[in-house]
Amino acid sequence: MGLSLQTYPTASEAQSALAASNVRYMGGGTLVVRAANEGDLSFSTIVRTTDPALSEIETSEAGVRIGASATMGMVLAHPQLSYLAPAARAVGGPAVRNMATVGGNLFAPAPYGDFTVALLALEANVSVAGSGEMALETFLQEREGLDPSALVTAVSFAPPPDSFRFLKISRVHPKGAAVLTIATDIREETGSIARARIALGCMADRAIRARRAEAALVGRPRTQEGIAPALAAALEGIDPPTDAIASAWYRREVLPVHLGRLLLG
């Protein structure tokens, strides 16, 4: 079966085209092209848009807004997004990063979707054309049931102080699929943790928040003894996959080790 490609100048026109059957939206193509090459027969038409608004990156002290069509390469090149550089650099090699989009990464299944883990730790919101804005955590929980015509247009979040950290564990460097991905935003006051945000990749079928570990950190010092309850709590409520990269057992074993290093490092 052949594929047809339809390109529209505006996001609204592209969204209207998505209402047809057997249609798939394409951002950078790293997911859709792979699906087509692997024989996915669920779509016969690919829709894309060249709307420049979807590639805009806006930064201020009040907030950051990244268009869904902005690429990992664009994030890496932006001087005000240096804290996201490790997460953007974790997505494939240079050729992939010049194509892979922020919006597309939200749909990447484990063991991919590293950038989404970073956004989840930053408590990002997702803008969906026609549906408004929703929390990224909610979006990830509901993405499989989204209306086929739903079009992600941007992500937004408050810029963090010097408290954000990102770590990807992979067997193949620098661009292998993840064994585990962790992003944290830990803020301290008077020697103890006042606010904790921890996001995990490859611990479920999507990026998830380690909420029990977050709660176990608050009010405790950032020491080996202080974080011990959080490391134990991080194993609660996870369901890591077994795949060609690592087994579920192995992912469970290494999570406390690497989370501890990130919290103390």
Protein backbone atom coordinates (compact mmCIF):
# COMPACT_ATOMS: atom_id res chain seq x y z
CA MET A 1 0.00 0.00 0.00
CA GLY A 2 1.39 3.42 -0.96
CA LEU A 3 1.66 6.42 1.31
CA SER A 4 0.63 9.96 0.47
CA LEU A 5 2.09 13.08 2.09
CA GLN A 6 0.00 16.21 2.61
CA THR A 7 1.72 19.43 3.73
CA TYR A 8 -0.26 22.40 5.07
CA PRO A 9 0.90 25.96 5.75
CA THR A 10 -0.99 26.30 9.05
CA ALA A 11 -1.55 24.12 12.08
CA SER A 12 -5.32 24.60 11.87
CA GLU A 13 -5.40 23.21 8.33
CA ALA A 14 -3.28 20.25 9.37
CA GLN A 15 -5.58 19.57 12.29
CA SER A 16 -8.61 19.58 10.00
CA ALA A 17 -6.90 17.05 7.73
CA LEU A 18 -6.31 14.76 10.71
CA ALA A 19 -10.06 14.24 11.02
CA ALA A 20 -9.96 11.88 8.03
CA SER A 21 -9.44 8.15 8.51
CA ASN A 22 -6.10 6.35 8.11
CA VAL A 23 -4.13 9.54 8.72
CA ARG A 24 -1.03 10.06 10.87
CA TYR A 25 0.58 13.36 11.79
CA MET A 26 4.32 13.73 11.25
CA GLY A 27 6.57 16.16 13.08
CA GLY A 28 10.21 15.31 12.46
CA GLY A 29 9.45 11.82 11.20
CA THR A 30 11.57 9.79 13.61
CA LEU A 31 8.51 7.85 14.81
CA VAL A 32 6.23 7.90 11.78
CA VAL A 33 8.87 7.02 9.20
CA ARG A 34 10.06 4.13 11.34
CA ALA A 35 6.48 2.88 11.66
CA ALA A 36 6.02 3.05 7.88
CA ASN A 37 9.33 1.26 7.27
CA GLU A 38 8.30 -1.48 9.69
CA GLY A 39 5.06 -2.08 7.79
CA ASP A 40 2.52 -0.28 9.97
CA LEU A 41 -0.71 -0.44 7.93
CA SER A 42 -2.82 1.68 10.28
CA PHE A 43 -2.33 4.80 8.12
CA SER A 44 -2.08 5.58 4.43
CA THR A 45 -1.74 9.36 4.60
CA ILE A 46 0.87 11.43 6.41
CA VAL A 47 0.00 15.00 7.37
CA ARG A 48 2.51 17.67 8.28
CA THR A 49 2.59 21.45 8.62
CA THR A 50 5.19 24.12 7.95
CA ASP A 51 3.51 26.58 10.32
CA PRO A 52 6.44 28.65 11.72
CA ALA A 53 4.57 29.28 14.98
CA LEU A 54 5.04 25.63 15.92
CA SER A 55 8.83 26.01 15.79
CA GLU A 56 9.05 29.08 18.01
CA ILE A 57 10.83 29.04 21.36
CA GLU A 58 9.92 31.77 23.83
CA THR A 59 11.78 32.25 27.11
CA SER A 60 11.36 34.71 29.95
CA GLU A 61 11.65 34.75 33.72
CA ALA A 62 7.94 34.04 33.88
CA GLY A 63 7.93 30.96 31.69
CA VAL A 64 9.22 28.95 28.76
CA ARG A 65 7.15 27.93 25.75
CA ILE A 66 8.59 25.54 23.16
CA GLY A 67 6.68 24.90 19.96
CA ALA A 68 5.92 21.27 19.20
CA SER A 69 7.89 21.41 15.93
CA ALA A 70 11.05 22.74 17.60
CA THR A 71 13.80 20.16 17.22
CA MET A 72 16.28 18.85 19.76
CA GLY A 73 18.95 20.68 17.79
CA MET A 74 17.08 23.95 18.27
CA VAL A 75 16.83 23.33 22.01
CA LEU A 76 20.56 22.62 22.16
CA ALA A 77 21.33 25.85 20.31
CA HIS A 78 19.16 28.05 22.53
CA PRO A 79 21.28 29.96 25.09
CA GLN A 80 18.48 30.17 27.67
CA LEU A 81 17.78 26.43 27.64
CA SER A 82 21.21 25.14 28.65
CA TYR A 83 19.69 23.17 31.55
CA LEU A 84 17.77 21.10 28.97
CA ALA A 85 20.84 20.44 26.84
CA PRO A 86 21.67 17.06 28.49
CA ALA A 87 18.11 15.86 27.82
CA ALA A 88 18.10 17.08 24.21
CA ARG A 89 21.55 15.58 23.63
CA ALA A 90 20.28 12.22 24.90
CA VAL A 91 18.00 11.90 21.85
CA GLY A 92 19.90 9.98 19.18
CA GLY A 93 22.83 11.34 17.22
CA PRO A 94 23.20 14.71 15.48
CA ALA A 95 21.16 13.69 12.42
CA VAL A 96 18.26 12.52 14.58
CA ARG A 97 18.42 15.59 16.84
CA ASN A 98 18.10 17.85 13.80
CA MET A 99 14.81 16.11 12.93
CA ALA A 100 13.31 14.87 16.20
CA THR A 101 10.77 17.33 17.61
CA VAL A 102 9.73 18.20 21.13
CA GLY A 103 6.12 17.34 20.31
CA GLY A 104 7.02 14.02 18.75
CA ASN A 105 9.04 13.00 21.79
CA LEU A 106 5.87 13.14 23.88
CA PHE A 107 4.60 10.12 21.93
CA ALA A 108 7.81 8.07 21.98
CA PRO A 109 7.36 4.74 23.78
CA ALA A 110 9.87 3.29 26.24
CA PRO A 111 12.84 2.94 25.98
CA TYR A 112 12.68 6.26 24.11
CA GLY A 113 11.18 9.61 25.09
CA ASP A 114 14.13 10.90 27.15
CA PHE A 115 13.27 14.57 26.64
CA THR A 116 9.75 13.98 27.91
CA VAL A 117 11.18 12.75 31.22
CA ALA A 118 12.92 16.10 31.64
CA LEU A 119 9.72 18.00 30.86
CA LEU A 120 7.79 15.90 33.37
CA ALA A 121 10.21 16.79 36.17
CA LEU A 122 9.69 20.44 35.24
CA GLU A 123 5.91 19.98 35.56
CA ALA A 124 5.35 21.07 31.98
CA ASN A 125 1.96 21.67 30.42
CA VAL A 126 0.98 20.54 26.93
CA SER A 127 -1.05 22.70 24.56
CA VAL A 128 -3.38 20.76 22.27
CA ALA A 129 -5.18 22.55 19.45
CA GLY A 130 -8.88 22.67 20.18
CA SER A 131 -8.49 21.25 23.69
CA GLY A 132 -6.49 23.91 25.48
CA GLU A 133 -3.73 23.13 27.97
CA MET A 134 -3.27 20.15 30.24
CA ALA A 135 -0.58 18.91 32.61
CA LEU A 136 2.00 16.71 30.89
CA GLU A 137 1.41 13.95 33.44
CA THR A 138 -2.28 13.91 32.51
CA PHE A 139 -1.45 14.02 28.81
CA LEU A 140 0.82 10.97 29.10
CA GLN A 141 -1.85 9.04 30.94
CA GLU A 142 -4.46 9.84 28.30
CA ARG A 143 -2.40 10.02 25.09
CA GLU A 144 -3.50 6.61 23.80
CA GLY A 145 -7.11 7.73 23.97
CA LEU A 146 -6.65 11.15 22.42
CA ASP A 147 -8.88 12.17 19.55
CA PRO A 148 -7.01 11.27 16.32
CA SER A 149 -7.36 14.88 15.20
CA ALA A 150 -5.67 16.21 18.35
CA LEU A 151 -2.57 18.23 17.46
CA VAL A 152 0.03 19.12 20.07
CA THR A 153 1.20 22.68 19.47
CA ALA A 154 3.56 23.48 22.36
CA VAL A 155 4.88 22.65 25.81
CA SER A 156 5.34 25.24 28.54
CA PHE A 157 6.86 25.34 32.01
CA ALA A 158 8.40 27.62 34.59
CA PRO A 159 12.20 27.88 34.21
CA PRO A 160 13.94 26.16 37.13
CA PRO A 161 16.64 27.69 39.29
CA ASP A 162 19.93 25.81 39.49
CA SER A 163 18.15 22.73 40.80
CA PHE A 164 17.38 20.64 37.72
CA ARG A 165 19.36 17.48 36.96
CA PHE A 166 19.08 14.86 34.20
CA LEU A 167 20.65 11.43 33.81
CA LYS A 168 20.31 8.79 31.12
CA ILE A 169 21.74 5.30 31.57
CA SER A 170 22.43 3.50 28.31
CA ARG A 171 24.52 0.53 27.25
CA VAL A 172 25.53 2.21 23.99
CA HIS A 173 27.01 5.70 24.11
CA PRO A 174 26.34 8.36 23.10
CA LYS A 175 23.04 7.55 21.41
CA GLY A 176 21.75 4.21 22.63
CA ALA A 177 18.23 3.52 23.87
CA ALA A 178 17.78 4.02 27.60
CA VAL A 179 18.06 1.45 30.34
CA LEU A 180 16.82 4.17 32.66
CA THR A 181 16.23 7.92 32.50
CA ILE A 182 15.90 10.17 35.54
CA ALA A 183 15.20 13.89 35.84
CA THR A 184 14.97 15.73 39.15
CA ASP A 185 14.15 19.22 40.37
CA ILE A 186 15.14 19.34 44.05
CA ARG A 187 14.97 22.60 45.98
CA GLU A 188 16.35 23.12 49.46
CA GLU A 189 15.78 25.59 52.29
CA THR A 190 17.84 25.86 55.49
CA GLY A 191 19.59 22.54 55.04
CA SER A 192 16.62 20.36 54.11
CA ILE A 193 14.62 19.55 50.99
CA ALA A 194 11.58 21.79 50.63
CA ARG A 195 10.35 20.64 47.21
CA ALA A 196 11.09 17.53 45.18
CA ARG A 197 10.13 16.53 41.66
CA ILE A 198 11.40 13.22 40.25
CA ALA A 199 10.52 11.83 36.81
CA LEU A 200 11.47 8.38 35.56
CA GLY A 201 11.76 6.90 32.10
CA CYS A 202 11.67 3.15 31.34
CA MET A 203 9.91 2.45 34.62
CA ALA A 204 6.49 2.08 32.94
CA ASP A 205 4.99 2.31 29.46
CA ARG A 206 5.43 6.09 29.68
CA ALA A 207 7.40 8.63 31.68
CA ILE A 208 6.10 8.72 35.28
CA ARG A 209 6.53 10.78 38.43
CA ALA A 210 8.05 9.04 41.44
CA ARG A 211 5.59 10.69 43.81
CA ARG A 212 6.26 8.45 46.81
CA ALA A 213 9.96 9.13 46.55
CA GLU A 214 9.25 12.86 46.23
CA ALA A 215 7.18 12.85 49.41
CA ALA A 216 9.87 10.89 51.26
CA LEU A 217 12.47 13.56 50.47
CA VAL A 218 10.62 16.60 51.74
CA GLY A 219 11.90 17.84 55.09
CA ARG A 220 15.01 15.66 55.01
CA PRO A 221 18.64 16.65 54.43
CA ARG A 222 20.28 15.76 51.15
CA THR A 223 22.62 13.18 52.65
CA GLN A 224 23.01 9.43 52.15
CA GLU A 225 20.96 8.80 55.27
CA GLY A 226 18.45 11.50 54.43
CA ILE A 227 17.60 10.17 50.96
CA ALA A 228 17.51 6.47 51.93
CA PRO A 229 13.71 6.36 52.45
CA ALA A 230 13.18 7.99 49.06
CA LEU A 231 15.35 5.43 47.29
CA ALA A 232 13.25 2.63 48.75
CA ALA A 233 10.01 4.44 47.92
CA ALA A 234 11.10 4.95 44.29
CA LEU A 235 10.57 1.22 43.69
CA GLU A 236 6.90 1.44 44.66
CA GLY A 237 4.34 1.73 41.88
CA ILE A 238 6.73 1.12 38.98
CA ASP A 239 6.31 -1.45 36.22
CA PRO A 240 9.50 -1.45 34.13
CA PRO A 241 9.47 -3.26 30.80
CA THR A 242 11.67 -6.13 29.75
CA ASP A 243 13.10 -5.55 26.28
CA ALA A 244 16.26 -6.04 24.24
CA ILE A 245 17.96 -3.27 26.25
CA ALA A 246 17.39 -4.56 29.79
CA SER A 247 15.14 -6.74 31.90
CA ALA A 248 12.55 -5.41 34.32
CA TRP A 249 14.57 -6.99 37.16
CA TYR A 250 17.72 -5.13 36.13
CA ARG A 251 15.94 -1.81 35.82
CA ARG A 252 14.56 -2.21 39.33
CA GLU A 253 18.02 -3.03 40.66
CA VAL A 254 19.77 -0.03 39.15
CA LEU A 255 17.09 2.60 39.82
CA PRO A 256 17.99 3.25 43.49
CA VAL A 257 21.71 3.31 42.66
CA HIS A 258 21.48 5.93 39.94
CA LEU A 259 18.77 7.98 41.66
CA GLY A 260 20.97 8.15 44.74
CA ARG A 261 23.93 9.33 42.70
CA LEU A 262 21.86 11.99 41.00
CA LEU A 263 20.38 13.26 44.27
CA LEU A 264 23.76 13.47 45.98
CA GLY A 265 25.75 14.59 42.95
